[in-house]
Amino acid sequence: MQEIDNKKFFRNYAFFMLILLVIFGILLYFVLVARKAWTKNLAITVQTVLDEEENGRWKVGDNIPINSPLTVNCAAYEITDSMDKAPKIAVIIRIMNYYGPIPAVYILNEDTRETQFIAYSSLHGRIRNQFLNNKSDKRREYWQEKIPDIIYK
């Protein structure tokens, strides 16, 4: 009698684990599909910001994987500059500001490892001009210095 109960228990346990495995497999599939769309849409956002600054100068290329815990908050892309042939990387990173977290776009020169702030991606008009004219924004400067460490870690 005890063996029959054990068989029934293990059969129910295996069935339960199979259901959990299927659910986690479905969730993993959706995460992987969403990651591809997320990467593509961030590349479009970076291209839009770069075109707002100088239309036609930069072309966004492939995604660069980042080996850092900050991958949730930033993404990096290869870019080509029509005026300068030096290899460059465009980085979009979420930084805190007066209005909460705002995605900012930086360009990193791979040869000199110098970072240049370009613009905020979600600000437009008068507010954007006020933020760009604020040259002493310490948060922006902090991330400008931190980006080479994040990319080349």
N, C-alpha and C. Protein backbone atom coordinates (compact mmCIF):
# COMPACT_ATOMS: atom_id res chain seq x y z
N MET A 1 0.82 -1.20 0.00
CA MET A 1 0.00 0.00 0.00
C MET A 1 0.87 1.26 0.00
N GLN A 2 1.96 1.22 0.77
CA GLN A 2 2.86 2.36 0.86
C GLN A 2 3.52 2.65 -0.49
N GLU A 3 3.89 1.59 -1.25
CA GLU A 3 4.54 1.78 -2.54
C GLU A 3 3.59 2.43 -3.54
N ILE A 4 2.34 2.09 -3.48
CA ILE A 4 1.36 2.69 -4.39
C ILE A 4 1.22 4.17 -4.10
N ASP A 5 1.21 4.55 -2.83
CA ASP A 5 1.12 5.97 -2.47
C ASP A 5 2.35 6.73 -2.93
N ASN A 6 3.54 6.10 -2.81
CA ASN A 6 4.77 6.76 -3.27
C ASN A 6 4.75 6.95 -4.78
N LYS A 7 4.30 5.96 -5.53
CA LYS A 7 4.22 6.09 -6.98
C LYS A 7 3.26 7.22 -7.36
N LYS A 8 2.15 7.28 -6.70
CA LYS A 8 1.17 8.33 -6.99
C LYS A 8 1.74 9.70 -6.64
N PHE A 9 2.43 9.77 -5.51
CA PHE A 9 3.05 11.04 -5.11
C PHE A 9 4.07 11.50 -6.14
N PHE A 10 4.97 10.62 -6.56
CA PHE A 10 6.01 11.00 -7.51
C PHE A 10 5.43 11.32 -8.89
N ARG A 11 4.37 10.63 -9.27
CA ARG A 11 3.72 10.94 -10.54
C ARG A 11 3.08 12.33 -10.48
N ASN A 12 2.42 12.66 -9.38
CA ASN A 12 1.83 13.99 -9.21
C ASN A 12 2.92 15.07 -9.14
N TYR A 13 4.01 14.73 -8.45
CA TYR A 13 5.13 15.67 -8.34
C TYR A 13 5.75 15.93 -9.72
N ALA A 14 5.95 14.89 -10.50
CA ALA A 14 6.52 15.04 -11.85
C ALA A 14 5.58 15.85 -12.74
N PHE A 15 4.30 15.61 -12.62
CA PHE A 15 3.32 16.38 -13.41
C PHE A 15 3.37 17.86 -13.02
N PHE A 16 3.44 18.15 -11.73
CA PHE A 16 3.53 19.53 -11.24
C PHE A 16 4.81 20.21 -11.75
N MET A 17 5.93 19.51 -11.68
CA MET A 17 7.20 20.07 -12.15
C MET A 17 7.18 20.31 -13.66
N LEU A 18 6.52 19.44 -14.40
CA LEU A 18 6.39 19.63 -15.84
C LEU A 18 5.58 20.89 -16.15
N ILE A 19 4.52 21.11 -15.41
CA ILE A 19 3.72 22.33 -15.59
C ILE A 19 4.56 23.56 -15.30
N LEU A 20 5.33 23.54 -14.19
CA LEU A 20 6.20 24.67 -13.86
C LEU A 20 7.25 24.91 -14.95
N LEU A 21 7.83 23.84 -15.46
CA LEU A 21 8.84 23.96 -16.51
C LEU A 21 8.26 24.58 -17.77
N VAL A 22 7.06 24.19 -18.15
CA VAL A 22 6.40 24.76 -19.33
C VAL A 22 6.12 26.25 -19.11
N ILE A 23 5.64 26.62 -17.93
CA ILE A 23 5.36 28.03 -17.63
C ILE A 23 6.63 28.86 -17.69
N PHE A 24 7.72 28.38 -17.08
CA PHE A 24 8.98 29.11 -17.12
C PHE A 24 9.54 29.19 -18.54
N GLY A 25 9.35 28.14 -19.33
CA GLY A 25 9.78 28.17 -20.72
C GLY A 25 9.04 29.23 -21.52
N ILE A 26 7.74 29.34 -21.30
CA ILE A 26 6.95 30.37 -21.99
C ILE A 26 7.40 31.76 -21.57
N LEU A 27 7.63 31.96 -20.28
CA LEU A 27 8.11 33.26 -19.80
C LEU A 27 9.48 33.61 -20.39
N LEU A 28 10.38 32.64 -20.43
CA LEU A 28 11.70 32.87 -21.00
C LEU A 28 11.60 33.24 -22.48
N TYR A 29 10.73 32.59 -23.21
CA TYR A 29 10.53 32.91 -24.62
C TYR A 29 10.10 34.36 -24.79
N PHE A 30 9.13 34.80 -23.99
CA PHE A 30 8.66 36.18 -24.11
C PHE A 30 9.73 37.19 -23.72
N VAL A 31 10.56 36.86 -22.74
CA VAL A 31 11.66 37.76 -22.36
C VAL A 31 12.65 37.90 -23.51
N LEU A 32 13.00 36.80 -24.14
CA LEU A 32 13.95 36.85 -25.25
C LEU A 32 13.39 37.61 -26.44
N VAL A 33 12.12 37.43 -26.74
CA VAL A 33 11.49 38.17 -27.84
C VAL A 33 11.43 39.66 -27.51
N ALA A 34 11.10 40.00 -26.26
CA ALA A 34 11.02 41.40 -25.86
C ALA A 34 12.39 42.06 -25.87
N ARG A 35 13.44 41.33 -25.54
CA ARG A 35 14.79 41.90 -25.54
C ARG A 35 15.20 42.35 -26.94
N LYS A 36 14.85 41.57 -27.94
CA LYS A 36 15.18 41.93 -29.32
C LYS A 36 14.46 43.22 -29.72
N ALA A 37 13.18 43.32 -29.40
CA ALA A 37 12.42 44.54 -29.72
C ALA A 37 12.94 45.73 -28.92
N TRP A 38 13.32 45.51 -27.67
CA TRP A 38 13.85 46.57 -26.82
C TRP A 38 15.14 47.12 -27.42
N THR A 39 16.03 46.24 -27.85
CA THR A 39 17.30 46.66 -28.45
C THR A 39 17.06 47.43 -29.74
N LYS A 40 16.14 46.97 -30.56
CA LYS A 40 15.85 47.64 -31.83
C LYS A 40 15.26 49.03 -31.59
N ASN A 41 14.32 49.15 -30.66
CA ASN A 41 13.70 50.45 -30.38
C ASN A 41 14.67 51.43 -29.74
N LEU A 42 15.59 50.94 -28.92
CA LEU A 42 16.60 51.84 -28.36
C LEU A 42 17.54 52.35 -29.45
N ALA A 43 17.86 51.51 -30.42
CA ALA A 43 18.69 51.96 -31.55
C ALA A 43 17.98 53.05 -32.34
N ILE A 44 16.68 52.91 -32.53
CA ILE A 44 15.90 53.94 -33.22
C ILE A 44 15.90 55.24 -32.42
N THR A 45 15.77 55.13 -31.10
CA THR A 45 15.79 56.31 -30.24
C THR A 45 17.14 57.02 -30.31
N VAL A 46 18.22 56.26 -30.27
CA VAL A 46 19.56 56.86 -30.37
C VAL A 46 19.72 57.55 -31.72
N GLN A 47 19.27 56.91 -32.79
CA GLN A 47 19.36 57.52 -34.12
C GLN A 47 18.57 58.81 -34.19
N THR A 48 17.40 58.85 -33.57
CA THR A 48 16.57 60.06 -33.56
C THR A 48 17.27 61.20 -32.84
N VAL A 49 17.87 60.91 -31.69
CA VAL A 49 18.59 61.95 -30.93
C VAL A 49 19.78 62.46 -31.73
N LEU A 50 20.53 61.56 -32.34
CA LEU A 50 21.69 61.98 -33.12
C LEU A 50 21.27 62.80 -34.34
N ASP A 51 20.16 62.44 -34.96
CA ASP A 51 19.66 63.20 -36.11
C ASP A 51 19.16 64.58 -35.70
N GLU A 52 18.62 64.71 -34.49
CA GLU A 52 18.19 66.02 -34.01
C GLU A 52 19.38 66.96 -33.83
N GLU A 53 20.52 66.41 -33.46
CA GLU A 53 21.71 67.24 -33.27
C GLU A 53 22.33 67.62 -34.62
N GLU A 54 22.67 66.63 -35.41
CA GLU A 54 23.25 66.86 -36.75
C GLU A 54 22.69 65.80 -37.68
N ASN A 55 21.73 66.18 -38.46
CA ASN A 55 21.02 65.23 -39.32
C ASN A 55 21.96 64.64 -40.37
N GLY A 56 21.99 63.31 -40.42
CA GLY A 56 22.77 62.62 -41.44
C GLY A 56 24.22 62.39 -41.11
N ARG A 57 24.71 62.90 -39.98
CA ARG A 57 26.12 62.74 -39.67
C ARG A 57 26.43 61.34 -39.14
N TRP A 58 25.60 60.82 -38.24
CA TRP A 58 25.86 59.53 -37.62
C TRP A 58 24.89 58.48 -38.12
N LYS A 59 25.39 57.25 -38.16
CA LYS A 59 24.56 56.09 -38.52
C LYS A 59 24.75 55.04 -37.44
N VAL A 60 23.64 54.64 -36.81
CA VAL A 60 23.69 53.67 -35.72
C VAL A 60 23.81 52.27 -36.30
N GLY A 61 24.72 51.48 -35.73
CA GLY A 61 24.95 50.12 -36.18
C GLY A 61 24.48 49.08 -35.18
N ASP A 62 25.30 48.07 -34.98
CA ASP A 62 24.93 46.93 -34.14
C ASP A 62 25.02 47.25 -32.65
N ASN A 63 24.28 46.47 -31.88
CA ASN A 63 24.30 46.57 -30.43
C ASN A 63 25.61 45.98 -29.90
N ILE A 64 26.17 46.62 -28.88
CA ILE A 64 27.38 46.14 -28.23
C ILE A 64 26.98 45.58 -26.87
N PRO A 65 27.27 44.31 -26.60
CA PRO A 65 26.90 43.75 -25.29
C PRO A 65 27.73 44.40 -24.18
N ILE A 66 27.07 44.67 -23.06
CA ILE A 66 27.73 45.29 -21.91
C ILE A 66 27.76 44.27 -20.79
N ASN A 67 28.94 44.01 -20.25
CA ASN A 67 29.09 43.06 -19.16
C ASN A 67 29.11 43.80 -17.83
N SER A 68 27.97 44.31 -17.46
CA SER A 68 27.85 45.10 -16.24
C SER A 68 26.43 44.97 -15.70
N PRO A 69 26.26 45.12 -14.40
CA PRO A 69 24.89 45.11 -13.86
C PRO A 69 24.04 46.26 -14.38
N LEU A 70 24.65 47.26 -15.01
CA LEU A 70 23.91 48.41 -15.52
C LEU A 70 23.25 48.15 -16.86
N THR A 71 23.27 46.92 -17.35
CA THR A 71 22.68 46.65 -18.65
C THR A 71 21.18 46.91 -18.68
N VAL A 72 20.54 46.94 -17.53
CA VAL A 72 19.12 47.27 -17.49
C VAL A 72 18.92 48.76 -17.75
N ASN A 73 19.89 49.57 -17.37
CA ASN A 73 19.77 51.02 -17.47
C ASN A 73 20.49 51.63 -18.66
N CYS A 74 21.23 50.86 -19.42
CA CYS A 74 21.94 51.46 -20.56
C CYS A 74 22.11 50.44 -21.68
N ALA A 75 22.38 50.98 -22.85
CA ALA A 75 22.65 50.16 -24.03
C ALA A 75 23.69 50.90 -24.87
N ALA A 76 24.50 50.14 -25.58
CA ALA A 76 25.56 50.74 -26.40
C ALA A 76 25.44 50.23 -27.83
N TYR A 77 25.77 51.12 -28.77
CA TYR A 77 25.67 50.80 -30.20
C TYR A 77 26.89 51.33 -30.93
N GLU A 78 27.36 50.58 -31.90
CA GLU A 78 28.41 51.07 -32.78
C GLU A 78 27.81 52.16 -33.67
N ILE A 79 28.55 53.24 -33.87
CA ILE A 79 28.08 54.27 -34.80
C ILE A 79 29.21 54.64 -35.74
N THR A 80 28.82 55.07 -36.93
CA THR A 80 29.79 55.57 -37.89
C THR A 80 29.53 57.05 -38.10
N ASP A 81 30.61 57.79 -38.13
CA ASP A 81 30.55 59.24 -38.28
C ASP A 81 30.98 59.58 -39.70
N SER A 82 30.17 60.33 -40.42
CA SER A 82 30.51 60.66 -41.80
C SER A 82 31.65 61.67 -41.90
N MET A 83 31.92 62.41 -40.82
CA MET A 83 32.99 63.41 -40.85
C MET A 83 34.31 62.88 -40.29
N ASP A 84 34.23 61.91 -39.41
CA ASP A 84 35.42 61.40 -38.74
C ASP A 84 35.37 59.88 -38.81
N LYS A 85 36.46 59.26 -39.19
CA LYS A 85 36.47 57.80 -39.36
C LYS A 85 36.87 57.06 -38.09
N ALA A 86 37.08 57.75 -36.98
CA ALA A 86 37.44 57.09 -35.73
C ALA A 86 36.27 56.25 -35.24
N PRO A 87 36.55 55.05 -34.72
CA PRO A 87 35.46 54.21 -34.21
C PRO A 87 34.81 54.85 -32.97
N LYS A 88 33.49 54.88 -32.97
CA LYS A 88 32.77 55.51 -31.87
C LYS A 88 31.62 54.62 -31.42
N ILE A 89 31.20 54.86 -30.19
CA ILE A 89 30.09 54.12 -29.60
C ILE A 89 29.07 55.12 -29.08
N ALA A 90 27.81 54.88 -29.39
CA ALA A 90 26.72 55.69 -28.82
C ALA A 90 26.16 54.92 -27.64
N VAL A 91 26.00 55.61 -26.52
CA VAL A 91 25.49 55.00 -25.30
C VAL A 91 24.24 55.74 -24.88
N ILE A 92 23.16 55.00 -24.66
CA ILE A 92 21.95 55.59 -24.10
C ILE A 92 21.83 55.03 -22.69
N ILE A 93 21.72 55.94 -21.72
CA ILE A 93 21.70 55.53 -20.32
C ILE A 93 20.66 56.33 -19.57
N ARG A 94 20.00 55.68 -18.65
CA ARG A 94 18.97 56.35 -17.85
C ARG A 94 19.65 57.03 -16.67
N ILE A 95 19.52 58.37 -16.62
CA ILE A 95 20.11 59.13 -15.51
C ILE A 95 19.00 59.89 -14.79
N MET A 96 19.22 60.13 -13.52
CA MET A 96 18.25 60.89 -12.73
C MET A 96 18.38 62.37 -13.05
N ASN A 97 17.25 63.05 -13.04
CA ASN A 97 17.21 64.47 -13.30
C ASN A 97 16.12 65.08 -12.44
N TYR A 98 15.83 66.34 -12.65
CA TYR A 98 14.82 67.01 -11.86
C TYR A 98 13.44 66.39 -12.04
N TYR A 99 13.18 65.84 -13.20
CA TYR A 99 11.87 65.28 -13.52
C TYR A 99 11.84 63.76 -13.42
N GLY A 100 12.83 63.18 -12.80
CA GLY A 100 12.89 61.73 -12.67
C GLY A 100 13.92 61.15 -13.64
N PRO A 101 13.88 59.85 -13.86
CA PRO A 101 14.85 59.23 -14.76
C PRO A 101 14.59 59.63 -16.22
N ILE A 102 15.65 60.07 -16.88
CA ILE A 102 15.56 60.51 -18.28
C ILE A 102 16.68 59.83 -19.06
N PRO A 103 16.39 59.25 -20.23
CA PRO A 103 17.45 58.65 -21.04
C PRO A 103 18.31 59.72 -21.70
N ALA A 104 19.61 59.58 -21.52
CA ALA A 104 20.57 60.52 -22.10
C ALA A 104 21.46 59.77 -23.09
N VAL A 105 21.88 60.46 -24.14
CA VAL A 105 22.72 59.85 -25.17
C VAL A 105 24.10 60.48 -25.12
N TYR A 106 25.11 59.62 -25.06
CA TYR A 106 26.51 60.02 -25.06
C TYR A 106 27.21 59.36 -26.24
N ILE A 107 28.30 59.99 -26.68
CA ILE A 107 29.15 59.37 -27.70
C ILE A 107 30.53 59.16 -27.09
N LEU A 108 31.01 57.93 -27.21
CA LEU A 108 32.31 57.54 -26.68
C LEU A 108 33.26 57.30 -27.84
N ASN A 109 34.37 58.03 -27.87
CA ASN A 109 35.41 57.82 -28.88
C ASN A 109 36.27 56.66 -28.41
N GLU A 110 36.34 55.60 -29.19
CA GLU A 110 37.06 54.40 -28.76
C GLU A 110 38.57 54.61 -28.72
N ASP A 111 39.10 55.49 -29.55
CA ASP A 111 40.54 55.72 -29.56
C ASP A 111 41.01 56.48 -28.32
N THR A 112 40.33 57.56 -28.01
CA THR A 112 40.75 58.41 -26.89
C THR A 112 40.00 58.12 -25.60
N ARG A 113 38.93 57.35 -25.68
CA ARG A 113 38.05 57.04 -24.54
C ARG A 113 37.47 58.29 -23.91
N GLU A 114 37.25 59.30 -24.73
CA GLU A 114 36.59 60.52 -24.27
C GLU A 114 35.10 60.40 -24.57
N THR A 115 34.30 60.89 -23.62
CA THR A 115 32.85 60.82 -23.76
C THR A 115 32.29 62.22 -23.94
N GLN A 116 31.34 62.34 -24.84
CA GLN A 116 30.69 63.62 -25.12
C GLN A 116 29.19 63.45 -24.93
N PHE A 117 28.60 64.34 -24.14
CA PHE A 117 27.15 64.32 -23.96
C PHE A 117 26.50 64.92 -25.20
N ILE A 118 25.46 64.26 -25.71
CA ILE A 118 24.75 64.76 -26.89
C ILE A 118 23.45 65.43 -26.49
N ALA A 119 22.52 64.68 -25.92
CA ALA A 119 21.22 65.26 -25.56
C ALA A 119 20.41 64.24 -24.77
N TYR A 120 19.31 64.73 -24.22
CA TYR A 120 18.32 63.86 -23.59
C TYR A 120 17.34 63.41 -24.67
N SER A 121 16.96 62.15 -24.63
CA SER A 121 16.13 61.64 -25.72
C SER A 121 14.65 61.97 -25.58
N SER A 122 14.19 62.25 -24.39
CA SER A 122 12.75 62.45 -24.22
C SER A 122 12.37 63.90 -23.98
N LEU A 123 13.32 64.81 -24.04
CA LEU A 123 13.02 66.23 -23.84
C LEU A 123 13.09 66.97 -25.16
N HIS A 124 12.12 67.84 -25.38
CA HIS A 124 12.07 68.61 -26.62
C HIS A 124 11.64 70.04 -26.30
N GLY A 125 11.94 70.93 -27.21
CA GLY A 125 11.47 72.31 -27.08
C GLY A 125 12.25 73.10 -26.05
N ARG A 126 11.53 73.98 -25.36
CA ARG A 126 12.15 74.91 -24.42
C ARG A 126 12.81 74.20 -23.23
N ILE A 127 12.15 73.18 -22.72
CA ILE A 127 12.72 72.42 -21.60
C ILE A 127 14.05 71.80 -22.00
N ARG A 128 14.11 71.23 -23.21
CA ARG A 128 15.35 70.62 -23.69
C ARG A 128 16.47 71.65 -23.75
N ASN A 129 16.17 72.83 -24.27
CA ASN A 129 17.18 73.88 -24.37
C ASN A 129 17.67 74.31 -22.99
N GLN A 130 16.77 74.38 -22.01
CA GLN A 130 17.18 74.76 -20.66
C GLN A 130 18.11 73.70 -20.06
N PHE A 131 17.79 72.44 -20.26
CA PHE A 131 18.65 71.39 -19.72
C PHE A 131 20.00 71.35 -20.43
N LEU A 132 20.02 71.56 -21.74
CA LEU A 132 21.29 71.53 -22.47
C LEU A 132 22.16 72.73 -22.14
N ASN A 133 21.56 73.86 -21.80
CA ASN A 133 22.33 75.05 -21.46
C ASN A 133 22.90 75.00 -20.05
N ASN A 134 22.43 74.08 -19.23
CA ASN A 134 22.94 73.92 -17.87
C ASN A 134 24.27 73.15 -17.96
N LYS A 135 25.36 73.87 -17.99
CA LYS A 135 26.67 73.25 -18.18
C LYS A 135 27.23 72.63 -16.90
N SER A 136 26.65 72.95 -15.76
CA SER A 136 27.19 72.45 -14.50
C SER A 136 26.33 71.34 -13.90
N ASP A 137 25.76 70.51 -14.73
CA ASP A 137 24.94 69.40 -14.25
C ASP A 137 25.86 68.27 -13.80
N LYS A 138 25.97 68.09 -12.50
CA LYS A 138 26.91 67.11 -11.94
C LYS A 138 26.51 65.67 -12.26
N ARG A 139 25.22 65.41 -12.35
CA ARG A 139 24.79 64.05 -12.68
C ARG A 139 25.21 63.67 -14.09
N ARG A 140 25.07 64.62 -14.98
CA ARG A 140 25.47 64.39 -16.37
C ARG A 140 26.98 64.19 -16.46
N GLU A 141 27.73 64.99 -15.72
CA GLU A 141 29.19 64.85 -15.70
C GLU A 141 29.63 63.52 -15.09
N TYR A 142 28.93 63.09 -14.04
CA TYR A 142 29.26 61.81 -13.40
C TYR A 142 29.17 60.67 -14.41
N TRP A 143 28.06 60.60 -15.14
CA TRP A 143 27.88 59.52 -16.10
C TRP A 143 28.83 59.67 -17.28
N GLN A 144 29.18 60.89 -17.62
CA GLN A 144 30.13 61.12 -18.70
C GLN A 144 31.49 60.51 -18.34
N GLU A 145 31.88 60.60 -17.08
CA GLU A 145 33.15 60.01 -16.65
C GLU A 145 33.03 58.50 -16.43
N LYS A 146 31.85 58.04 -16.11
CA LYS A 146 31.64 56.63 -15.76
C LYS A 146 31.45 55.72 -16.98
N ILE A 147 31.01 56.27 -18.10
CA ILE A 147 30.69 55.45 -19.28
C ILE A 147 31.87 54.62 -19.79
N PRO A 148 33.10 55.16 -19.90
CA PRO A 148 34.20 54.29 -20.35
C PRO A 148 34.43 53.09 -19.43
N ASP A 149 34.24 53.28 -18.12
CA ASP A 149 34.39 52.16 -17.19
C ASP A 149 33.32 51.10 -17.42
N ILE A 150 32.11 51.54 -17.75
CA ILE A 150 31.01 50.60 -17.98
C ILE A 150 31.24 49.81 -19.27
N ILE A 151 31.64 50.49 -20.32
CA ILE A 151 31.81 49.84 -21.63
C ILE A 151 33.02 48.91 -21.65
N TYR A 152 34.14 49.34 -21.07
CA TYR A 152 35.38 48.56 -21.16
C TYR A 152 35.64 47.70 -19.94
N LYS A 153 34.64 47.41 -19.14
CA LYS A 153 34.80 46.59 -17.94
C LYS A 153 35.08 45.16 -18.31
